[in-house]
Amino acid sequence: MFNNDQYAFRDNCPYELVKKNKDQISGKLRIRIVHGSREKGVKRYTAKFRELLKELKIPHEFEIVEGVAHDVKKVYQLVGVKGFKFQARSFTGGGDS
């Protein structure tokens, strides 16, 4: 995604963007994180990112899709419309759950 450029990754990865834009995000953006249980390397990063979101008090939701590797199509097939419902609550003023 970032052409193996560590600086491009650092400047554009969600973890750094959230830290950099905390004031613009807080109270305006809700985040949903979904990944497969067999995605290598993602679990540690996701745990770190979730801790940051909690620390910054940014509403978020997290789901692990069991048995799925890095396969976006399969993830969407298995989680259905949960992500859309999560975002729809943002537009209707609904809660975090």
Foldseek 3Di string as FASTA:
>chain_A
DQVPDPVSCCCPPPQNVCVVCLVVQAPQDEEEEEEEPAEPPVPVVVVVSVVVCVVSVHQYYYYYHYPDYGDVVVRCVVVPCPVVVQVVCSVVVHDRD
